[in-house]
PDB file of all heavy atoms in Angstrom:
ATOM      1  N   ARG A   1      -0.864  -6.348  19.431  1.00  0.00           N
ATOM      2  CA  ARG A   1      -1.535  -5.404  20.328  1.00  0.00           C
ATOM      3  C   ARG A   1      -1.852  -4.099  19.610  1.00  0.00           C
ATOM      4  O   ARG A   1      -2.915  -3.508  19.803  1.00  0.00           O
ATOM      5  CB  ARG A   1      -0.640  -5.131  21.533  1.00  0.00           C
ATOM      6  CG  ARG A   1      -1.297  -4.261  22.585  1.00  0.00           C
ATOM      7  CD  ARG A   1      -0.442  -4.180  23.823  1.00  0.00           C
ATOM      8  NE  ARG A   1      -1.085  -3.404  24.863  1.00  0.00           N
ATOM      9  CZ  ARG A   1      -0.566  -3.190  26.068  1.00  0.00           C
ATOM     10  NH1 ARG A   1       0.593  -3.715  26.374  1.00  0.00           N
ATOM     11  NH2 ARG A   1      -1.211  -2.462  26.955  1.00  0.00           N
ATOM     12  N   LEU A   2      -0.922  -3.642  18.767  1.00  0.00           N
ATOM     13  CA  LEU A   2      -1.146  -2.419  18.018  1.00  0.00           C
ATOM     14  C   LEU A   2      -2.311  -2.595  17.050  1.00  0.00           C
ATOM     15  O   LEU A   2      -3.158  -1.712  16.905  1.00  0.00           O
ATOM     16  CB  LEU A   2       0.124  -2.026  17.261  1.00  0.00           C
ATOM     17  CG  LEU A   2       0.052  -0.734  16.437  1.00  0.00           C
ATOM     18  CD1 LEU A   2      -0.295   0.446  17.334  1.00  0.00           C
ATOM     19  CD2 LEU A   2       1.377  -0.493  15.722  1.00  0.00           C
ATOM     20  N   ASN A   3      -2.384  -3.748  16.373  1.00  0.00           N
ATOM     21  CA  ASN A   3      -3.493  -4.015  15.457  1.00  0.00           C
ATOM     22  C   ASN A   3      -4.823  -4.029  16.193  1.00  0.00           C
ATOM     23  O   ASN A   3      -5.840  -3.537  15.677  1.00  0.00           O
ATOM     24  CB  ASN A   3      -3.264  -5.346  14.740  1.00  0.00           C
ATOM     25  CG  ASN A   3      -2.128  -5.269  13.730  1.00  0.00           C
ATOM     26  OD1 ASN A   3      -1.787  -4.186  13.257  1.00  0.00           O
ATOM     27  ND2 ASN A   3      -1.529  -6.399  13.411  1.00  0.00           N
ATOM     28  N   GLN A   4      -4.827  -4.606  17.388  1.00  0.00           N
ATOM     29  CA  GLN A   4      -6.044  -4.627  18.182  1.00  0.00           C
ATOM     30  C   GLN A   4      -6.469  -3.208  18.569  1.00  0.00           C
ATOM     31  O   GLN A   4      -7.655  -2.875  18.560  1.00  0.00           O
ATOM     32  CB  GLN A   4      -5.828  -5.473  19.443  1.00  0.00           C
ATOM     33  CG  GLN A   4      -5.667  -6.958  19.164  1.00  0.00           C
ATOM     34  CD  GLN A   4      -5.292  -7.732  20.417  1.00  0.00           C
ATOM     35  OE1 GLN A   4      -4.845  -7.160  21.413  1.00  0.00           O
ATOM     36  NE2 GLN A   4      -5.457  -9.042  20.368  1.00  0.00           N
ATOM     37  N   LEU A   5      -5.478  -2.374  18.892  1.00  0.00           N
ATOM     38  CA  LEU A   5      -5.770  -0.989  19.241  1.00  0.00           C
ATOM     39  C   LEU A   5      -6.375  -0.248  18.054  1.00  0.00           C
ATOM     40  O   LEU A   5      -7.353   0.494  18.203  1.00  0.00           O
ATOM     41  CB  LEU A   5      -4.491  -0.296  19.695  1.00  0.00           C
ATOM     42  CG  LEU A   5      -4.604   1.186  20.034  1.00  0.00           C
ATOM     43  CD1 LEU A   5      -5.498   1.392  21.244  1.00  0.00           C
ATOM     44  CD2 LEU A   5      -3.225   1.780  20.301  1.00  0.00           C
ATOM     45  N   VAL A   6      -5.795  -0.439  16.888  1.00  0.00           N
ATOM     46  CA  VAL A   6      -6.309   0.211  15.686  1.00  0.00           C
ATOM     47  C   VAL A   6      -7.740  -0.234  15.394  1.00  0.00           C
ATOM     48  O   VAL A   6      -8.617   0.580  15.075  1.00  0.00           O
ATOM     49  CB  VAL A   6      -5.401  -0.073  14.476  1.00  0.00           C
ATOM     50  CG1 VAL A   6      -6.039   0.429  13.192  1.00  0.00           C
ATOM     51  CG2 VAL A   6      -4.043   0.587  14.670  1.00  0.00           C
ATOM     52  N   ALA A   7      -8.004  -1.541  15.542  1.00  0.00           N
ATOM     53  CA  ALA A   7      -9.344  -2.061  15.305  1.00  0.00           C
ATOM     54  C   ALA A   7     -10.343  -1.458  16.288  1.00  0.00           C
ATOM     55  O   ALA A   7     -11.458  -1.064  15.918  1.00  0.00           O
ATOM     56  CB  ALA A   7      -9.334  -3.588  15.425  1.00  0.00           C
ATOM     57  N   LEU A   8      -9.924  -1.354  17.564  1.00  0.00           N
ATOM     58  CA  LEU A   8     -10.804  -0.766  18.574  1.00  0.00           C
ATOM     59  C   LEU A   8     -11.069   0.697  18.262  1.00  0.00           C
ATOM     60  O   LEU A   8     -12.193   1.191  18.404  1.00  0.00           O
ATOM     61  CB  LEU A   8     -10.161  -0.909  19.958  1.00  0.00           C
ATOM     62  CG  LEU A   8     -10.909  -0.272  21.136  1.00  0.00           C
ATOM     63  CD1 LEU A   8     -12.306  -0.885  21.268  1.00  0.00           C
ATOM     64  CD2 LEU A   8     -10.123  -0.426  22.422  1.00  0.00           C
ATOM     65  N   LEU A   9     -10.029   1.401  17.837  1.00  0.00           N
ATOM     66  CA  LEU A   9     -10.192   2.809  17.502  1.00  0.00           C
ATOM     67  C   LEU A   9     -11.205   2.996  16.383  1.00  0.00           C
ATOM     68  O   LEU A   9     -12.073   3.863  16.454  1.00  0.00           O
ATOM     69  CB  LEU A   9      -8.842   3.414  17.110  1.00  0.00           C
ATOM     70  CG  LEU A   9      -8.873   4.855  16.617  1.00  0.00           C
ATOM     71  CD1 LEU A   9      -9.378   5.774  17.720  1.00  0.00           C
ATOM     72  CD2 LEU A   9      -7.498   5.294  16.137  1.00  0.00           C
ATOM     73  N   TRP A  10     -11.107   2.197  15.343  1.00  0.00           N
ATOM     74  CA  TRP A  10     -12.043   2.307  14.223  1.00  0.00           C
ATOM     75  C   TRP A  10     -13.479   2.039  14.674  1.00  0.00           C
ATOM     76  O   TRP A  10     -14.416   2.710  14.245  1.00  0.00           O
ATOM     77  CB  TRP A  10     -11.661   1.357  13.107  1.00  0.00           C
ATOM     78  CG  TRP A  10     -10.635   1.942  12.187  1.00  0.00           C
ATOM     79  CD1 TRP A  10      -9.336   1.554  12.034  1.00  0.00           C
ATOM     80  CD2 TRP A  10     -10.826   3.042  11.296  1.00  0.00           C
ATOM     81  NE1 TRP A  10      -8.706   2.346  11.126  1.00  0.00           N
ATOM     82  CE2 TRP A  10      -9.594   3.267  10.641  1.00  0.00           C
ATOM     83  CE3 TRP A  10     -11.906   3.877  10.994  1.00  0.00           C
ATOM     84  CZ2 TRP A  10      -9.419   4.270   9.707  1.00  0.00           C
ATOM     85  CZ3 TRP A  10     -11.731   4.878  10.059  1.00  0.00           C
ATOM     86  CH2 TRP A  10     -10.506   5.069   9.423  1.00  0.00           C
ATOM     87  N   MET A  11     -13.653   1.074  15.570  1.00  0.00           N
ATOM     88  CA  MET A  11     -14.980   0.787  16.096  1.00  0.00           C
ATOM     89  C   MET A  11     -15.532   1.996  16.839  1.00  0.00           C
ATOM     90  O   MET A  11     -16.705   2.363  16.701  1.00  0.00           O
ATOM     91  CB  MET A  11     -14.925  -0.429  17.028  1.00  0.00           C
ATOM     92  CG  MET A  11     -14.665  -1.756  16.305  1.00  0.00           C
ATOM     93  SD  MET A  11     -14.447  -3.126  17.467  1.00  0.00           S
ATOM     94  CE  MET A  11     -16.045  -3.121  18.268  1.00  0.00           C
ATOM     95  N   MET A  12     -14.660   2.658  17.605  1.00  0.00           N
ATOM     96  CA  MET A  12     -15.116   3.808  18.376  1.00  0.00           C
ATOM     97  C   MET A  12     -15.389   5.002  17.459  1.00  0.00           C
ATOM     98  O   MET A  12     -16.315   5.778  17.699  1.00  0.00           O
ATOM     99  CB  MET A  12     -14.077   4.174  19.436  1.00  0.00           C
ATOM    100  CG  MET A  12     -13.846   3.059  20.453  1.00  0.00           C
ATOM    101  SD  MET A  12     -12.716   3.540  21.775  1.00  0.00           S
ATOM    102  CE  MET A  12     -13.780   4.566  22.760  1.00  0.00           C
ATOM    103  N   LEU A  13     -14.567   5.132  16.436  1.00  0.00           N
ATOM    104  CA  LEU A  13     -14.811   6.204  15.484  1.00  0.00           C
ATOM    105  C   LEU A  13     -16.165   6.031  14.807  1.00  0.00           C
ATOM    106  O   LEU A  13     -16.927   6.992  14.639  1.00  0.00           O
ATOM    107  CB  LEU A  13     -13.701   6.233  14.425  1.00  0.00           C
ATOM    108  CG  LEU A  13     -12.344   6.767  14.878  1.00  0.00           C
ATOM    109  CD1 LEU A  13     -11.307   6.540  13.774  1.00  0.00           C
ATOM    110  CD2 LEU A  13     -12.438   8.246  15.202  1.00  0.00           C
ATOM    111  N   LEU A  14     -16.464   4.810  14.417  1.00  0.00           N
ATOM    112  CA  LEU A  14     -17.740   4.532  13.766  1.00  0.00           C
ATOM    113  C   LEU A  14     -18.911   4.793  14.710  1.00  0.00           C
ATOM    114  O   LEU A  14     -20.003   5.172  14.281  1.00  0.00           O
ATOM    115  CB  LEU A  14     -17.767   3.084  13.263  1.00  0.00           C
ATOM    116  CG  LEU A  14     -16.802   2.781  12.106  1.00  0.00           C
ATOM    117  CD1 LEU A  14     -16.769   1.287  11.837  1.00  0.00           C
ATOM    118  CD2 LEU A  14     -17.220   3.541  10.844  1.00  0.00           C
ATOM    119  N   ALA A  15     -18.653   4.591  15.987  1.00  0.00           N
ATOM    120  CA  ALA A  15     -19.706   4.811  16.981  1.00  0.00           C
ATOM    121  C   ALA A  15     -19.766   6.276  17.434  1.00  0.00           C
ATOM    122  O   ALA A  15     -20.634   6.653  18.211  1.00  0.00           O
ATOM    123  CB  ALA A  15     -19.479   3.909  18.195  1.00  0.00           C
ATOM    124  N   GLY A  16     -18.807   7.090  16.959  1.00  0.00           N
ATOM    125  CA  GLY A  16     -18.791   8.499  17.337  1.00  0.00           C
ATOM    126  C   GLY A  16     -18.349   8.723  18.774  1.00  0.00           C
ATOM    127  O   GLY A  16     -18.740   9.699  19.394  1.00  0.00           O
ATOM    128  N   CYS A  17     -17.530   7.827  19.305  1.00  0.00           N
ATOM    129  CA  CYS A  17     -17.114   7.915  20.707  1.00  0.00           C
ATOM    130  C   CYS A  17     -16.165   9.094  20.921  1.00  0.00           C
ATOM    131  O   CYS A  17     -15.208   9.277  20.172  1.00  0.00           O
ATOM    132  CB  CYS A  17     -16.415   6.625  21.131  1.00  0.00           C
ATOM    133  SG  CYS A  17     -15.827   6.650  22.841  1.00  0.00           S
ATOM    134  N   GLN A  18     -16.422   9.900  21.967  1.00  0.00           N
ATOM    135  CA  GLN A  18     -15.595  11.060  22.261  1.00  0.00           C
ATOM    136  C   GLN A  18     -14.240  10.679  22.838  1.00  0.00           C
ATOM    137  O   GLN A  18     -13.338  11.524  22.915  1.00  0.00           O
ATOM    138  CB  GLN A  18     -16.317  11.998  23.228  1.00  0.00           C
ATOM    139  CG  GLN A  18     -17.537  12.671  22.623  1.00  0.00           C
ATOM    140  CD  GLN A  18     -18.100  13.731  23.544  1.00  0.00           C
ATOM    141  OE1 GLN A  18     -17.685  13.860  24.694  1.00  0.00           O
ATOM    142  NE2 GLN A  18     -19.037  14.492  23.034  1.00  0.00           N
ATOM    143  N   GLN A  19     -14.067   9.421  23.246  1.00  0.00           N
ATOM    144  CA  GLN A  19     -12.799   8.992  23.814  1.00  0.00           C
ATOM    145  C   GLN A  19     -11.813   8.526  22.746  1.00  0.00           C
ATOM    146  O   GLN A  19     -10.686   8.142  23.062  1.00  0.00           O
ATOM    147  CB  GLN A  19     -13.036   7.842  24.807  1.00  0.00           C
ATOM    148  CG  GLN A  19     -13.974   8.196  25.948  1.00  0.00           C
ATOM    149  CD  GLN A  19     -13.496   9.394  26.729  1.00  0.00           C
ATOM    150  OE1 GLN A  19     -12.322   9.490  27.074  1.00  0.00           O
ATOM    151  NE2 GLN A  19     -14.389  10.329  27.013  1.00  0.00           N
ATOM    152  N   ALA A  20     -12.202   8.570  21.493  1.00  0.00           N
ATOM    153  CA  ALA A  20     -11.342   8.055  20.432  1.00  0.00           C
ATOM    154  C   ALA A  20     -10.020   8.805  20.360  1.00  0.00           C
ATOM    155  O   ALA A  20      -8.961   8.212  20.140  1.00  0.00           O
ATOM    156  CB  ALA A  20     -12.059   8.131  19.091  1.00  0.00           C
ATOM    157  N   GLY A  21     -10.052  10.132  20.531  1.00  0.00           N
ATOM    158  CA  GLY A  21      -8.827  10.914  20.477  1.00  0.00           C
ATOM    159  C   GLY A  21      -7.848  10.532  21.571  1.00  0.00           C
ATOM    160  O   GLY A  21      -6.637  10.416  21.322  1.00  0.00           O
ATOM    161  N   GLU A  22      -8.371  10.303  22.777  1.00  0.00           N
ATOM    162  CA  GLU A  22      -7.517   9.887  23.879  1.00  0.00           C
ATOM    163  C   GLU A  22      -6.906   8.517  23.611  1.00  0.00           C
ATOM    164  O   GLU A  22      -5.713   8.293  23.835  1.00  0.00           O
ATOM    165  CB  GLU A  22      -8.304   9.858  25.189  1.00  0.00           C
ATOM    166  CG  GLU A  22      -7.485   9.415  26.383  1.00  0.00           C
ATOM    167  CD  GLU A  22      -8.288   9.395  27.669  1.00  0.00           C
ATOM    168  OE1 GLU A  22      -9.510   9.673  27.620  1.00  0.00           O
ATOM    169  OE2 GLU A  22      -7.708   9.102  28.716  1.00  0.00           O
ATOM    170  N   ILE A  23      -7.723   7.595  23.130  1.00  0.00           N
ATOM    171  CA  ILE A  23      -7.228   6.254  22.845  1.00  0.00           C
ATOM    172  C   ILE A  23      -6.158   6.284  21.757  1.00  0.00           C
ATOM    173  O   ILE A  23      -5.120   5.624  21.847  1.00  0.00           O
ATOM    174  CB  ILE A  23      -8.382   5.328  22.432  1.00  0.00           C
ATOM    175  CG1 ILE A  23      -9.296   5.084  23.634  1.00  0.00           C
ATOM    176  CG2 ILE A  23      -7.878   4.002  21.871  1.00  0.00           C
ATOM    177  CD1 ILE A  23     -10.550   4.324  23.314  1.00  0.00           C
ATOM    178  N   LEU A  24      -6.391   7.097  20.734  1.00  0.00           N
ATOM    179  CA  LEU A  24      -5.416   7.216  19.651  1.00  0.00           C
ATOM    180  C   LEU A  24      -4.103   7.792  20.174  1.00  0.00           C
ATOM    181  O   LEU A  24      -3.014   7.283  19.866  1.00  0.00           O
ATOM    182  CB  LEU A  24      -5.976   8.097  18.537  1.00  0.00           C
ATOM    183  CG  LEU A  24      -5.045   8.376  17.349  1.00  0.00           C
ATOM    184  CD1 LEU A  24      -4.604   7.088  16.697  1.00  0.00           C
ATOM    185  CD2 LEU A  24      -5.743   9.279  16.339  1.00  0.00           C
ATOM    186  N   TYR A  25      -4.191   8.841  20.976  1.00  0.00           N
ATOM    187  CA  TYR A  25      -2.987   9.483  21.491  1.00  0.00           C
ATOM    188  C   TYR A  25      -2.217   8.555  22.429  1.00  0.00           C
ATOM    189  O   TYR A  25      -0.993   8.378  22.295  1.00  0.00           O
ATOM    190  CB  TYR A  25      -3.345  10.774  22.222  1.00  0.00           C
ATOM    191  CG  TYR A  25      -2.162  11.481  22.815  1.00  0.00           C
ATOM    192  CD1 TYR A  25      -1.267  12.175  22.003  1.00  0.00           C
ATOM    193  CD2 TYR A  25      -1.921  11.457  24.197  1.00  0.00           C
ATOM    194  CE1 TYR A  25      -0.165  12.821  22.546  1.00  0.00           C
ATOM    195  CE2 TYR A  25      -0.831  12.103  24.743  1.00  0.00           C
ATOM    196  CZ  TYR A  25       0.045  12.779  23.914  1.00  0.00           C
ATOM    197  OH  TYR A  25       1.136  13.407  24.462  1.00  0.00           O
ATOM    198  N   VAL A  26      -2.917   7.957  23.381  1.00  0.00           N
ATOM    199  CA  VAL A  26      -2.263   7.070  24.344  1.00  0.00           C
ATOM    200  C   VAL A  26      -1.658   5.865  23.625  1.00  0.00           C
ATOM    201  O   VAL A  26      -0.518   5.464  23.903  1.00  0.00           O
ATOM    202  CB  VAL A  26      -3.252   6.617  25.430  1.00  0.00           C
ATOM    203  CG1 VAL A  26      -2.629   5.531  26.302  1.00  0.00           C
ATOM    204  CG2 VAL A  26      -3.684   7.800  26.281  1.00  0.00           C
TER     205      VAL A  26
END
């Protein structure tokens, strides 16, 4: 689950998503 979260975070970072910080923190 943690690996999936990290992968999702990287996808959002690449897309410039403003929710990336929240996802990383949570």
